[in-house]
Amino acid sequence: MTPPRTRVPAVPGQRPSTPNPASDFPPARGHAAEAASARTSAPGAGHAAESARVRAAGSPVVGRGRGAEPGVARTLPSERPAGLGPAEAGRRGRAGERVRVGGVGLDVVTEADVVRWVAAEAAAGRGGRIVTPNVDICRAVARDPALQELVGSAEIVVADGMPLVWAARLLGTPLPERVTGADLIWSLSEVAAARNWPVYLLGGPPGVAELAADELRSCRPGLKVAGVHAPPYHFDDTAEGRQRVRRRVVAARPRLVFVGLGFPRQDLLIAELREELPQAWFVGCGAAIAFAAGTVQRAPRWMRRAGLEWAFRLMSEPGRLARRYLVDDLPFAVRLLAGCLLTRLRR
C-alpha cells in the first residue's frame, strides 16, 4: 500500500500585469561585508523524519508523478515568477524560464535581480515566496514529488548551494551566481528599511531571532521589526500548533518574513501563511536568522566562493552535520555532477 505523500498547501496564483522593472530602489549597499562577518547555525531536522511526520498525518497528495533524476536539465516555461512579463523576463535571462538541476527548477538571476524584483512586486501590492535550494533540499525533492511541487510553485527559486551552480554550468545552462538566504536577509532588509516595510523573523533557538533583529536594525537604520518568534521544535505536529504560530505572524502584519525552520518545515508553513498574507514576501532562509544573530560563525568569503562553506560548517558542528553532509549529501552531489557531465557529453 503506497503511503500518502507530503501535504502541500495551496498557494494562491498571482499573474497580474508586470510592474515597471525600473525600480526606484537603489542597489543593495554593503550587505556583503556585513554578511561576511555574520554568524549562524540552524535547527536542521532530517528530511526523512519530516516526510515521515507529514505522511503520518494522512495529508492529501499534491503534485503526483515521478521524481526527477539528478543530472537532467531543461527549461520550465510554466515555472516563472508570478507576474513576470516579457520585458522583465528578457532582462532576467532565458526569457524568465528556469534551468532544471537535480530535480529543481532554478531561476537564472543574481542577488541584485531578486532584490529588484521583490521591491517592484511588493510596491505593486503583490507578495510571493522565495526558496533557496541547496544539495540537501535537492536530495529531498528528487525523491518526493510533493516537495518538488512545493519548491516549483514558488515565485522565486535560487541556487543556495555551489554544487548546483557547478551542475548548471556543466549542463551548458549556467547560473550567474549563487544566491543565499544568508545574503538575502541583509539585502532584502535594506529594501524593507528604505520602504518602511515591517519585517518578521521566525525561527532559530530561543533568543536568536531577537539577537538577529537587533543586529539587522543596527546595520539597517530605520528597519522596522514587527515581531520575532522561536516556535517549539515540534510545533507543527498538530494543527493547533501551526495555527498558533500563524496567528502570531498574521497579527503582526509584516510585508517581509524570514522563516528559518529548516526544509521542508519552513516552506510548508510559508505556503499556509501566503494565503493569509497575500501581499507579504516570504523567504525560507534556513540558518540565515542565526547567521545574522552571530550565534555561530559563517565561513570566510573565500571558502564560500570556492564552494567550501559546507566544510567549514562540518568542522564547526561535526556531531550534527557529519551524517547529513558526508553520508547523504556528498554522494548525491557526486552523482548530480557526474550525471550533468554525462548529459552534456551526450548532446
C-alpha atoms as a PDB file:
ATOM      1  CA  MET A   1       0.000   0.000   0.000  1.00  0.00           C
ATOM      2  CA  THR A   2       1.501   3.343  -1.023  1.00  0.00           C
ATOM      3  CA  PRO A   3       1.759   5.807   1.887  1.00  0.00           C
ATOM      4  CA  PRO A   4       0.278   9.287   1.470  1.00  0.00           C
ATOM      5  CA  ARG A   5       2.713  11.926   0.263  1.00  0.00           C
ATOM      6  CA  THR A   6       3.745  15.192   1.819  1.00  0.00           C
ATOM      7  CA  ARG A   7       0.986  17.731   2.244  1.00  0.00           C
ATOM      8  CA  VAL A   8       1.496  20.896   0.213  1.00  0.00           C
ATOM      9  CA  PRO A   9      -0.929  23.738   0.998  1.00  0.00           C
ATOM     10  CA  ALA A  10      -2.444  25.540  -1.938  1.00  0.00           C
ATOM     11  CA  VAL A  11      -0.592  28.692  -2.906  1.00  0.00           C
ATOM     12  CA  PRO A  12      -2.697  31.456  -4.470  1.00  0.00           C
ATOM     13  CA  GLY A  13      -1.650  32.003  -8.069  1.00  0.00           C
ATOM     14  CA  GLN A  14      -0.955  35.594  -8.985  1.00  0.00           C
ATOM     15  CA  ARG A  15      -0.174  36.607 -12.561  1.00  0.00           C
ATOM     16  CA  PRO A  16      -1.129  40.288 -12.766  1.00  0.00           C
ATOM     17  CA  SER A  17       0.345  42.829 -15.127  1.00  0.00           C
ATOM     18  CA  THR A  18       4.073  43.415 -14.885  1.00  0.00           C
ATOM     19  CA  PRO A  19       5.281  46.436 -12.909  1.00  0.00           C
ATOM     20  CA  ASN A  20       7.839  48.835 -14.253  1.00  0.00           C
ATOM     21  CA  PRO A  21      11.163  46.971 -13.914  1.00  0.00           C
ATOM     22  CA  ALA A  22      12.994  50.275 -13.437  1.00  0.00           C
ATOM     23  CA  SER A  23      12.515  50.238  -9.669  1.00  0.00           C
ATOM     24  CA  ASP A  24      13.442  53.403  -7.839  1.00  0.00           C
ATOM     25  CA  PHE A  25      15.107  51.387  -5.112  1.00  0.00           C
ATOM     26  CA  PRO A  26      18.906  51.712  -5.227  1.00  0.00           C
ATOM     27  CA  PRO A  27      21.055  48.572  -5.393  1.00  0.00           C
ATOM     28  CA  ALA A  28      21.750  46.884  -2.056  1.00  0.00           C
ATOM     29  CA  ARG A  29      24.697  48.538  -0.311  1.00  0.00           C
ATOM     30  CA  GLY A  30      27.240  46.951   1.930  1.00  0.00           C
ATOM     31  CA  HIS A  31      25.340  43.827   2.964  1.00  0.00           C
ATOM     32  CA  ALA A  32      28.044  41.552   1.614  1.00  0.00           C
ATOM     33  CA  ALA A  33      30.618  42.937   4.040  1.00  0.00           C
ATOM     34  CA  GLU A  34      28.221  42.564   6.940  1.00  0.00           C
ATOM     35  CA  ALA A  35      27.129  39.123   5.840  1.00  0.00           C
ATOM     36  CA  ALA A  36      30.777  38.085   5.736  1.00  0.00           C
ATOM     37  CA  SER A  37      31.002  38.733   9.478  1.00  0.00           C
ATOM     38  CA  ALA A  38      27.514  37.400  10.250  1.00  0.00           C
ATOM     39  CA  ARG A  39      27.442  34.071  12.038  1.00  0.00           C
ATOM     40  CA  THR A  40      24.891  31.265  12.235  1.00  0.00           C
ATOM     41  CA  SER A  41      23.576  27.853  12.939  1.00  0.00           C
ATOM     42  CA  ALA A  42      20.108  26.499  12.350  1.00  0.00           C
ATOM     43  CA  PRO A  43      17.994  23.601  13.559  1.00  0.00           C
ATOM     44  CA  GLY A  44      18.306  21.032  10.782  1.00  0.00           C
ATOM     45  CA  ALA A  45      15.719  18.305  11.027  1.00  0.00           C
ATOM     46  CA  GLY A  46      16.282  15.386   8.673  1.00  0.00           C
ATOM     47  CA  HIS A  47      14.106  15.370   5.593  1.00  0.00           C
ATOM     48  CA  ALA A  48      13.247  11.715   6.012  1.00  0.00           C
ATOM     49  CA  ALA A  49      11.940  12.255   9.537  1.00  0.00           C
ATOM     50  CA  GLU A  50       9.984  15.322   8.444  1.00  0.00           C
ATOM     51  CA  SER A  51       8.446  13.492   5.475  1.00  0.00           C
ATOM     52  CA  ALA A  52       7.517  10.605   7.749  1.00  0.00           C
ATOM     53  CA  ARG A  53       5.851  13.001  10.173  1.00  0.00           C
ATOM     54  CA  VAL A  54       3.789  14.651   7.474  1.00  0.00           C
ATOM     55  CA  ARG A  55       2.869  11.352   5.843  1.00  0.00           C
ATOM     56  CA  ALA A  56       1.734  10.008   9.220  1.00  0.00           C
ATOM     57  CA  ALA A  57      -0.830  12.792   9.316  1.00  0.00           C
ATOM     58  CA  GLY A  58      -2.515  11.300   6.255  1.00  0.00           C
ATOM     59  CA  SER A  59      -2.401  14.520   4.282  1.00  0.00           C
ATOM     60  CA  PRO A  60      -3.681  14.603   0.702  1.00  0.00           C
ATOM     61  CA  VAL A  61      -1.284  14.206  -2.201  1.00  0.00           C
ATOM     62  CA  VAL A  62      -0.406  17.243  -4.277  1.00  0.00           C
ATOM     63  CA  GLY A  63       1.795  17.146  -7.365  1.00  0.00           C
ATOM     64  CA  ARG A  64       1.783  13.407  -8.050  1.00  0.00           C
ATOM     65  CA  GLY A  65       4.214  11.957 -10.551  1.00  0.00           C
ATOM     66  CA  ARG A  66       7.702  10.558 -10.880  1.00  0.00           C
ATOM     67  CA  GLY A  67      10.529  12.407  -9.124  1.00  0.00           C
ATOM     68  CA  ALA A  68      13.143  13.922 -11.407  1.00  0.00           C
ATOM     69  CA  GLU A  69      16.533  12.235 -11.631  1.00  0.00           C
ATOM     70  CA  PRO A  70      19.710  14.192 -10.861  1.00  0.00           C
ATOM     71  CA  GLY A  71      21.595  15.495 -13.874  1.00  0.00           C
ATOM     72  CA  VAL A  72      18.627  16.281 -16.091  1.00  0.00           C
ATOM     73  CA  ALA A  73      18.216  19.874 -17.205  1.00  0.00           C
ATOM     74  CA  ARG A  74      15.539  21.648 -19.176  1.00  0.00           C
ATOM     75  CA  THR A  75      13.799  24.992 -19.096  1.00  0.00           C
ATOM     76  CA  LEU A  76      10.423  25.227 -17.448  1.00  0.00           C
ATOM     77  CA  PRO A  77       8.260  27.903 -19.095  1.00  0.00           C
ATOM     78  CA  SER A  78       5.425  27.354 -16.636  1.00  0.00           C
ATOM     79  CA  GLU A  79       7.608  27.920 -13.564  1.00  0.00           C
ATOM     80  CA  ARG A  80       8.465  31.587 -13.909  1.00  0.00           C
ATOM     81  CA  PRO A  81       7.737  34.014 -11.047  1.00  0.00           C
ATOM     82  CA  ALA A  82       4.146  35.247 -10.919  1.00  0.00           C
ATOM     83  CA  GLY A  83       3.538  38.415 -12.912  1.00  0.00           C
ATOM     84  CA  LEU A  84       6.703  38.086 -14.993  1.00  0.00           C
ATOM     85  CA  GLY A  85       6.196  39.936 -18.277  1.00  0.00           C
ATOM     86  CA  PRO A  86       8.234  39.740 -21.495  1.00  0.00           C
ATOM     87  CA  ALA A  87      10.391  42.811 -20.869  1.00  0.00           C
ATOM     88  CA  GLU A  88      11.366  41.848 -17.328  1.00  0.00           C
ATOM     89  CA  ALA A  89      11.700  38.191 -18.265  1.00  0.00           C
ATOM     90  CA  GLY A  90      14.112  39.033 -21.033  1.00  0.00           C
ATOM     91  CA  ARG A  91      16.197  41.172 -18.711  1.00  0.00           C
ATOM     92  CA  ARG A  92      16.494  38.321 -16.241  1.00  0.00           C
ATOM     93  CA  GLY A  93      17.709  35.832 -18.877  1.00  0.00           C
ATOM     94  CA  ARG A  94      16.351  32.749 -20.662  1.00  0.00           C
ATOM     95  CA  ALA A  95      13.021  34.510 -21.169  1.00  0.00           C
ATOM     96  CA  GLY A  96      12.203  34.026 -17.485  1.00  0.00           C
ATOM     97  CA  GLU A  97      12.387  30.254 -17.766  1.00  0.00           C
ATOM     98  CA  ARG A  98      14.098  28.035 -15.233  1.00  0.00           C
ATOM     99  CA  VAL A  99      17.038  25.688 -15.550  1.00  0.00           C
ATOM    100  CA  ARG A 100      16.317  22.280 -14.069  1.00  0.00           C
ATOM    101  CA  VAL A 101      19.120  20.919 -11.898  1.00  0.00           C
ATOM    102  CA  GLY A 102      18.821  17.957  -9.553  1.00  0.00           C
ATOM    103  CA  GLY A 103      15.042  17.879  -9.806  1.00  0.00           C
ATOM    104  CA  VAL A 104      14.665  21.601  -9.063  1.00  0.00           C
ATOM    105  CA  GLY A 105      13.884  24.470 -11.445  1.00  0.00           C
ATOM    106  CA  LEU A 106      16.251  27.369 -10.696  1.00  0.00           C
ATOM    107  CA  ASP A 107      15.780  30.980 -11.764  1.00  0.00           C
ATOM    108  CA  VAL A 108      18.648  32.443 -13.791  1.00  0.00           C
ATOM    109  CA  VAL A 109      19.117  35.525 -11.588  1.00  0.00           C
ATOM    110  CA  THR A 110      21.614  37.386  -9.465  1.00  0.00           C
ATOM    111  CA  GLU A 111      21.007  38.542  -5.917  1.00  0.00           C
ATOM    112  CA  ALA A 112      20.505  42.082  -7.242  1.00  0.00           C
ATOM    113  CA  ASP A 113      17.846  40.754  -9.650  1.00  0.00           C
ATOM    114  CA  VAL A 114      15.984  39.152  -6.756  1.00  0.00           C
ATOM    115  CA  VAL A 115      16.128  42.353  -4.702  1.00  0.00           C
ATOM    116  CA  ARG A 116      14.806  44.489  -7.580  1.00  0.00           C
ATOM    117  CA  TRP A 117      12.067  42.001  -8.413  1.00  0.00           C
ATOM    118  CA  VAL A 118      10.820  41.723  -4.823  1.00  0.00           C
ATOM    119  CA  ALA A 119      10.921  45.514  -4.397  1.00  0.00           C
ATOM    120  CA  ALA A 120       8.869  46.056  -7.561  1.00  0.00           C
ATOM    121  CA  GLU A 121       6.342  43.324  -6.800  1.00  0.00           C
ATOM    122  CA  ALA A 122       5.890  44.371  -3.182  1.00  0.00           C
ATOM    123  CA  ALA A 123       5.459  48.007  -4.220  1.00  0.00           C
ATOM    124  CA  ALA A 124       2.659  46.841  -6.512  1.00  0.00           C
ATOM    125  CA  GLY A 125       0.980  45.015  -3.627  1.00  0.00           C
ATOM    126  CA  ARG A 126       1.962  41.502  -4.684  1.00  0.00           C
ATOM    127  CA  GLY A 127       3.646  39.017  -2.378  1.00  0.00           C
ATOM    128  CA  GLY A 128       5.422  35.758  -3.007  1.00  0.00           C
ATOM    129  CA  ARG A 129       7.733  33.009  -1.811  1.00  0.00           C
ATOM    130  CA  ILE A 130      11.484  32.652  -2.226  1.00  0.00           C
ATOM    131  CA  VAL A 131      13.005  29.180  -1.927  1.00  0.00           C
ATOM    132  CA  THR A 132      16.787  28.760  -1.660  1.00  0.00           C
ATOM    133  CA  PRO A 133      17.636  25.130  -2.527  1.00  0.00           C
ATOM    134  CA  ASN A 134      20.978  23.535  -1.739  1.00  0.00           C
ATOM    135  CA  VAL A 135      22.150  19.950  -2.285  1.00  0.00           C
ATOM    136  CA  ASP A 136      20.281  18.726   0.795  1.00  0.00           C
ATOM    137  CA  ILE A 137      16.998  20.215  -0.429  1.00  0.00           C
ATOM    138  CA  CYS A 138      17.541  18.844  -3.947  1.00  0.00           C
ATOM    139  CA  ARG A 139      18.114  15.397  -2.473  1.00  0.00           C
ATOM    140  CA  ALA A 140      14.787  15.582  -0.633  1.00  0.00           C
ATOM    141  CA  VAL A 141      12.940  16.971  -3.661  1.00  0.00           C
ATOM    142  CA  ALA A 142      14.319  14.302  -6.013  1.00  0.00           C
ATOM    143  CA  ARG A 143      12.552  11.549  -4.089  1.00  0.00           C
ATOM    144  CA  ASP A 144       9.290  13.293  -3.195  1.00  0.00           C
ATOM    145  CA  PRO A 145       7.059  14.710  -5.955  1.00  0.00           C
ATOM    146  CA  ALA A 146       5.031  16.706  -3.431  1.00  0.00           C
ATOM    147  CA  LEU A 147       8.132  18.551  -2.244  1.00  0.00           C
ATOM    148  CA  GLN A 148       9.063  19.096  -5.878  1.00  0.00           C
ATOM    149  CA  GLU A 149       5.703  20.801  -6.369  1.00  0.00           C
ATOM    150  CA  LEU A 150       6.182  22.845  -3.195  1.00  0.00           C
ATOM    151  CA  VAL A 151       9.508  24.221  -4.419  1.00  0.00           C
ATOM    152  CA  GLY A 152       8.481  24.610  -8.060  1.00  0.00           C
ATOM    153  CA  SER A 153       5.384  26.650  -7.219  1.00  0.00           C
ATOM    154  CA  ALA A 154       7.410  29.391  -5.502  1.00  0.00           C
ATOM    155  CA  GLU A 155       7.670  32.748  -7.239  1.00  0.00           C
ATOM    156  CA  ILE A 156      11.471  32.756  -6.998  1.00  0.00           C
ATOM    157  CA  VAL A 157      13.813  29.759  -6.660  1.00  0.00           C
ATOM    158  CA  VAL A 158      17.551  30.448  -6.396  1.00  0.00           C
ATOM    159  CA  ALA A 159      20.625  28.239  -6.043  1.00  0.00           C
ATOM    160  CA  ASP A 160      21.895  28.447  -2.475  1.00  0.00           C
ATOM    161  CA  GLY A 161      24.490  25.700  -2.979  1.00  0.00           C
ATOM    162  CA  MET A 162      27.608  25.971  -5.147  1.00  0.00           C
ATOM    163  CA  PRO A 163      27.241  22.373  -6.432  1.00  0.00           C
ATOM    164  CA  LEU A 164      24.012  23.499  -8.109  1.00  0.00           C
ATOM    165  CA  VAL A 165      25.867  26.361  -9.782  1.00  0.00           C
ATOM    166  CA  TRP A 166      28.563  23.924 -10.954  1.00  0.00           C
ATOM    167  CA  ALA A 167      25.946  21.445 -12.194  1.00  0.00           C
ATOM    168  CA  ALA A 168      24.163  24.109 -14.236  1.00  0.00           C
ATOM    169  CA  ARG A 169      27.500  25.132 -15.755  1.00  0.00           C
ATOM    170  CA  LEU A 170      28.299  21.514 -16.691  1.00  0.00           C
ATOM    171  CA  LEU A 171      24.937  21.283 -18.444  1.00  0.00           C
ATOM    172  CA  GLY A 172      25.711  24.364 -20.529  1.00  0.00           C
ATOM    173  CA  THR A 173      22.948  26.365 -18.817  1.00  0.00           C
ATOM    174  CA  PRO A 174      24.970  28.470 -16.373  1.00  0.00           C
ATOM    175  CA  LEU A 175      23.567  30.421 -13.460  1.00  0.00           C
ATOM    176  CA  PRO A 176      25.064  33.887 -12.931  1.00  0.00           C
ATOM    177  CA  GLU A 177      25.888  33.315  -9.262  1.00  0.00           C
ATOM    178  CA  ARG A 178      24.986  31.631  -6.023  1.00  0.00           C
ATOM    179  CA  VAL A 179      22.186  33.421  -4.149  1.00  0.00           C
ATOM    180  CA  THR A 180      21.902  32.525  -0.483  1.00  0.00           C
ATOM    181  CA  GLY A 181      19.319  33.151   2.178  1.00  0.00           C
ATOM    182  CA  ALA A 182      22.162  34.329   4.411  1.00  0.00           C
ATOM    183  CA  ASP A 183      22.830  37.197   1.967  1.00  0.00           C
ATOM    184  CA  LEU A 184      19.194  37.928   1.122  1.00  0.00           C
ATOM    185  CA  ILE A 185      18.336  38.598   4.746  1.00  0.00           C
ATOM    186  CA  TRP A 186      20.639  41.634   4.537  1.00  0.00           C
ATOM    187  CA  SER A 187      19.832  42.915   1.059  1.00  0.00           C
ATOM    188  CA  LEU A 188      16.061  42.487   1.414  1.00  0.00           C
ATOM    189  CA  SER A 189      16.136  44.079   4.862  1.00  0.00           C
ATOM    190  CA  GLU A 190      17.689  47.111   3.200  1.00  0.00           C
ATOM    191  CA  VAL A 191      14.694  47.270   0.872  1.00  0.00           C
ATOM    192  CA  ALA A 192      12.364  46.985   3.858  1.00  0.00           C
ATOM    193  CA  ALA A 193      14.162  49.774   5.724  1.00  0.00           C
ATOM    194  CA  ALA A 194      14.052  52.074   2.688  1.00  0.00           C
ATOM    195  CA  ARG A 195      10.344  51.412   2.084  1.00  0.00           C
ATOM    196  CA  ASN A 196       9.261  51.235   5.752  1.00  0.00           C
ATOM    197  CA  TRP A 197       8.031  47.655   5.331  1.00  0.00           C
ATOM    198  CA  PRO A 198       7.668  45.699   8.599  1.00  0.00           C
ATOM    199  CA  VAL A 199       9.839  42.583   8.868  1.00  0.00           C
ATOM    200  CA  TYR A 200       9.174  39.416  10.862  1.00  0.00           C
ATOM    201  CA  LEU A 201      11.784  36.847  11.950  1.00  0.00           C
ATOM    202  CA  LEU A 202      10.509  33.323  12.590  1.00  0.00           C
ATOM    203  CA  GLY A 203      12.829  30.534  13.690  1.00  0.00           C
ATOM    204  CA  GLY A 204      16.059  29.709  15.455  1.00  0.00           C
ATOM    205  CA  PRO A 205      16.630  28.656  19.056  1.00  0.00           C
ATOM    206  CA  PRO A 206      15.080  30.807  21.807  1.00  0.00           C
ATOM    207  CA  GLY A 207      16.571  34.288  21.864  1.00  0.00           C
ATOM    208  CA  VAL A 208      18.329  34.015  18.495  1.00  0.00           C
ATOM    209  CA  ALA A 209      15.665  35.859  16.488  1.00  0.00           C
ATOM    210  CA  GLU A 210      15.838  38.736  18.989  1.00  0.00           C
ATOM    211  CA  LEU A 211      19.607  38.960  18.537  1.00  0.00           C
ATOM    212  CA  ALA A 212      19.197  38.880  14.761  1.00  0.00           C
ATOM    213  CA  ALA A 213      16.596  41.650  14.932  1.00  0.00           C
ATOM    214  CA  ASP A 214      18.963  43.832  16.955  1.00  0.00           C
ATOM    215  CA  GLU A 215      21.806  43.240  14.510  1.00  0.00           C
ATOM    216  CA  LEU A 216      19.643  43.949  11.456  1.00  0.00           C
ATOM    217  CA  ARG A 217      18.288  47.153  12.992  1.00  0.00           C
ATOM    218  CA  SER A 218      21.809  48.245  13.843  1.00  0.00           C
ATOM    219  CA  CYS A 219      23.112  47.675  10.308  1.00  0.00           C
ATOM    220  CA  ARG A 220      19.935  48.771   8.509  1.00  0.00           C
ATOM    221  CA  PRO A 221      18.860  52.059  10.150  1.00  0.00           C
ATOM    222  CA  GLY A 222      15.124  52.571  10.012  1.00  0.00           C
ATOM    223  CA  LEU A 223      14.311  48.867   9.738  1.00  0.00           C
ATOM    224  CA  LYS A 224      11.023  48.095  11.458  1.00  0.00           C
ATOM    225  CA  VAL A 225      10.874  44.617  13.006  1.00  0.00           C
ATOM    226  CA  ALA A 226       7.212  43.809  13.548  1.00  0.00           C
ATOM    227  CA  GLY A 227       7.898  40.678  15.535  1.00  0.00           C
ATOM    228  CA  VAL A 228      10.136  37.703  16.288  1.00  0.00           C
ATOM    229  CA  HIS A 229       9.254  34.191  17.359  1.00  0.00           C
ATOM    230  CA  ALA A 230      11.077  30.925  18.019  1.00  0.00           C
ATOM    231  CA  PRO A 231       8.367  28.257  17.986  1.00  0.00           C
ATOM    232  CA  PRO A 232       8.894  24.966  19.828  1.00  0.00           C
ATOM    233  CA  TYR A 233      10.611  22.348  17.700  1.00  0.00           C
ATOM    234  CA  HIS A 234       7.545  20.142  17.233  1.00  0.00           C
ATOM    235  CA  PHE A 235       5.037  22.978  16.981  1.00  0.00           C
ATOM    236  CA  ASP A 236       3.799  21.703  13.621  1.00  0.00           C
ATOM    237  CA  ASP A 237       2.959  18.213  14.831  1.00  0.00           C
ATOM    238  CA  THR A 238      -0.597  19.434  15.377  1.00  0.00           C
ATOM    239  CA  ALA A 239      -2.929  21.755  13.512  1.00  0.00           C
ATOM    240  CA  GLU A 240      -3.341  23.766  16.716  1.00  0.00           C
ATOM    241  CA  GLY A 241       0.406  24.315  16.983  1.00  0.00           C
ATOM    242  CA  ARG A 242       0.669  25.543  13.404  1.00  0.00           C
ATOM    243  CA  GLN A 243      -2.346  27.750  13.901  1.00  0.00           C
ATOM    244  CA  ARG A 244      -0.838  29.424  16.975  1.00  0.00           C
ATOM    245  CA  VAL A 245       2.317  30.313  15.059  1.00  0.00           C
ATOM    246  CA  ARG A 246       0.356  31.558  12.051  1.00  0.00           C
ATOM    247  CA  ARG A 247      -1.843  33.759  14.240  1.00  0.00           C
ATOM    248  CA  ARG A 248       1.216  35.488  15.716  1.00  0.00           C
ATOM    249  CA  VAL A 249       2.686  36.227  12.306  1.00  0.00           C
ATOM    250  CA  VAL A 250      -0.595  37.385  10.771  1.00  0.00           C
ATOM    251  CA  ALA A 251      -1.325  39.677  13.731  1.00  0.00           C
ATOM    252  CA  ALA A 252       1.980  41.489  13.149  1.00  0.00           C
ATOM    253  CA  ARG A 253       1.001  42.283   9.502  1.00  0.00           C
ATOM    254  CA  PRO A 254       4.573  42.091   8.126  1.00  0.00           C
ATOM    255  CA  ARG A 255       5.491  42.758   4.499  1.00  0.00           C
ATOM    256  CA  LEU A 256       8.665  40.652   4.616  1.00  0.00           C
ATOM    257  CA  VAL A 257       9.025  37.417   6.599  1.00  0.00           C
ATOM    258  CA  PHE A 258      12.213  35.404   7.080  1.00  0.00           C
ATOM    259  CA  VAL A 259      11.454  31.840   8.145  1.00  0.00           C
ATOM    260  CA  GLY A 260      14.367  29.753   9.390  1.00  0.00           C
ATOM    261  CA  LEU A 261      12.910  26.412  10.418  1.00  0.00           C
ATOM    262  CA  GLY A 262      14.656  24.054   8.016  1.00  0.00           C
ATOM    263  CA  PHE A 263      13.291  22.424   4.883  1.00  0.00           C
ATOM    264  CA  PRO A 264      10.521  21.386   4.359  1.00  0.00           C
ATOM    265  CA  ARG A 265       9.044  22.603   7.652  1.00  0.00           C
ATOM    266  CA  GLN A 266       9.617  26.297   6.881  1.00  0.00           C
ATOM    267  CA  ASP A 267       8.290  26.065   3.333  1.00  0.00           C
ATOM    268  CA  LEU A 268       5.145  24.170   4.284  1.00  0.00           C
ATOM    269  CA  LEU A 269       4.367  26.831   6.888  1.00  0.00           C
ATOM    270  CA  ILE A 270       5.113  29.619   4.407  1.00  0.00           C
ATOM    271  CA  ALA A 271       2.691  28.128   1.891  1.00  0.00           C
ATOM    272  CA  GLU A 272      -0.056  28.310   4.525  1.00  0.00           C
ATOM    273  CA  LEU A 273       0.864  31.852   5.560  1.00  0.00           C
ATOM    274  CA  ARG A 274       0.761  33.016   1.920  1.00  0.00           C
ATOM    275  CA  GLU A 275      -2.988  32.508   1.937  1.00  0.00           C
ATOM    276  CA  GLU A 276      -3.390  34.763   4.971  1.00  0.00           C
ATOM    277  CA  LEU A 277      -0.820  37.408   3.976  1.00  0.00           C
ATOM    278  CA  PRO A 278      -1.009  37.582   0.167  1.00  0.00           C
ATOM    279  CA  GLN A 279       0.864  40.911  -0.006  1.00  0.00           C
ATOM    280  CA  ALA A 280       3.854  39.719   2.031  1.00  0.00           C
ATOM    281  CA  TRP A 281       7.095  38.221   0.744  1.00  0.00           C
ATOM    282  CA  PHE A 282       8.423  35.121   2.487  1.00  0.00           C
ATOM    283  CA  VAL A 283      11.978  33.803   2.426  1.00  0.00           C
ATOM    284  CA  GLY A 284      12.686  30.244   3.533  1.00  0.00           C
ATOM    285  CA  CYS A 285      16.151  31.069   4.797  1.00  0.00           C
ATOM    286  CA  GLY A 286      17.279  28.093   6.903  1.00  0.00           C
ATOM    287  CA  ALA A 287      20.228  29.201   9.024  1.00  0.00           C
ATOM    288  CA  ALA A 288      20.165  32.859   7.944  1.00  0.00           C
ATOM    289  CA  ILE A 289      18.480  34.161  11.107  1.00  0.00           C
ATOM    290  CA  ALA A 290      21.144  32.580  13.288  1.00  0.00           C
ATOM    291  CA  PHE A 291      23.867  33.822  10.885  1.00  0.00           C
ATOM    292  CA  ALA A 292      22.592  37.378  11.336  1.00  0.00           C
ATOM    293  CA  ALA A 293      22.339  36.905  15.101  1.00  0.00           C
ATOM    294  CA  GLY A 294      26.020  35.957  15.318  1.00  0.00           C
ATOM    295  CA  THR A 295      25.499  32.745  17.293  1.00  0.00           C
ATOM    296  CA  VAL A 296      27.804  30.684  15.034  1.00  0.00           C
ATOM    297  CA  GLN A 297      30.494  31.948  12.699  1.00  0.00           C
ATOM    298  CA  ARG A 298      29.861  31.824   8.958  1.00  0.00           C
ATOM    299  CA  ALA A 299      32.550  30.559   6.576  1.00  0.00           C
ATOM    300  CA  PRO A 300      35.081  33.105   5.282  1.00  0.00           C
ATOM    301  CA  ARG A 301      34.275  34.652   1.933  1.00  0.00           C
ATOM    302  CA  TRP A 302      36.981  32.719   0.058  1.00  0.00           C
ATOM    303  CA  MET A 303      35.556  29.393   1.284  1.00  0.00           C
ATOM    304  CA  ARG A 304      32.062  30.405   0.177  1.00  0.00           C
ATOM    305  CA  ARG A 305      33.303  31.387  -3.267  1.00  0.00           C
ATOM    306  CA  ALA A 306      35.211  28.103  -3.568  1.00  0.00           C
ATOM    307  CA  GLY A 307      32.159  26.064  -2.615  1.00  0.00           C
ATOM    308  CA  LEU A 308      33.673  25.003   0.707  1.00  0.00           C
ATOM    309  CA  GLU A 309      31.173  26.511   3.123  1.00  0.00           C
ATOM    310  CA  TRP A 310      29.884  23.011   3.850  1.00  0.00           C
ATOM    311  CA  ALA A 311      33.397  22.002   5.011  1.00  0.00           C
ATOM    312  CA  PHE A 312      33.570  24.979   7.357  1.00  0.00           C
ATOM    313  CA  ARG A 313      30.192  24.159   8.857  1.00  0.00           C
ATOM    314  CA  LEU A 314      31.143  20.493   9.150  1.00  0.00           C
ATOM    315  CA  MET A 315      34.257  21.451  11.146  1.00  0.00           C
ATOM    316  CA  SER A 316      32.116  23.758  13.309  1.00  0.00           C
ATOM    317  CA  GLU A 317      29.339  21.223  14.011  1.00  0.00           C
ATOM    318  CA  PRO A 318      30.648  17.722  13.216  1.00  0.00           C
ATOM    319  CA  GLY A 319      28.225  15.918  15.501  1.00  0.00           C
ATOM    320  CA  ARG A 320      25.150  17.444  13.912  1.00  0.00           C
ATOM    321  CA  LEU A 321      26.242  17.664  10.290  1.00  0.00           C
ATOM    322  CA  ALA A 322      28.616  14.740   9.631  1.00  0.00           C
ATOM    323  CA  ARG A 323      25.969  12.254   8.582  1.00  0.00           C
ATOM    324  CA  ARG A 324      23.978  14.755   6.529  1.00  0.00           C
ATOM    325  CA  TYR A 325      26.970  16.117   4.647  1.00  0.00           C
ATOM    326  CA  LEU A 326      29.171  13.028   4.262  1.00  0.00           C
ATOM    327  CA  VAL A 327      26.705  10.140   4.113  1.00  0.00           C
ATOM    328  CA  ASP A 328      23.671  11.757   2.466  1.00  0.00           C
ATOM    329  CA  ASP A 329      24.632  14.917   0.562  1.00  0.00           C
ATOM    330  CA  LEU A 330      28.146  14.166  -0.720  1.00  0.00           C
ATOM    331  CA  PRO A 331      27.174  11.000  -2.689  1.00  0.00           C
ATOM    332  CA  PHE A 332      24.147  12.830  -4.116  1.00  0.00           C
ATOM    333  CA  ALA A 333      26.315  15.779  -5.171  1.00  0.00           C
ATOM    334  CA  VAL A 334      28.814  13.459  -6.874  1.00  0.00           C
ATOM    335  CA  ARG A 335      26.029  11.676  -8.765  1.00  0.00           C
ATOM    336  CA  LEU A 336      24.466  15.003  -9.682  1.00  0.00           C
ATOM    337  CA  LEU A 337      27.680  16.463 -11.122  1.00  0.00           C
ATOM    338  CA  ALA A 338      28.585  13.220 -12.902  1.00  0.00           C
ATOM    339  CA  GLY A 339      25.103  12.975 -14.373  1.00  0.00           C
ATOM    340  CA  CYS A 340      25.228  16.572 -15.582  1.00  0.00           C
ATOM    341  CA  LEU A 341      28.601  15.993 -17.230  1.00  0.00           C
ATOM    342  CA  LEU A 342      27.379  12.834 -18.980  1.00  0.00           C
ATOM    343  CA  THR A 343      24.255  14.651 -20.144  1.00  0.00           C
ATOM    344  CA  ARG A 344      26.418  17.418 -21.632  1.00  0.00           C
ATOM    345  CA  LEU A 345      28.763  14.933 -23.366  1.00  0.00           C
ATOM    346  CA  ARG A 346      25.851  13.038 -24.956  1.00  0.00           C
ATOM    347  CA  ARG A 347      24.480  16.123 -26.663  1.00  0.00           C
END
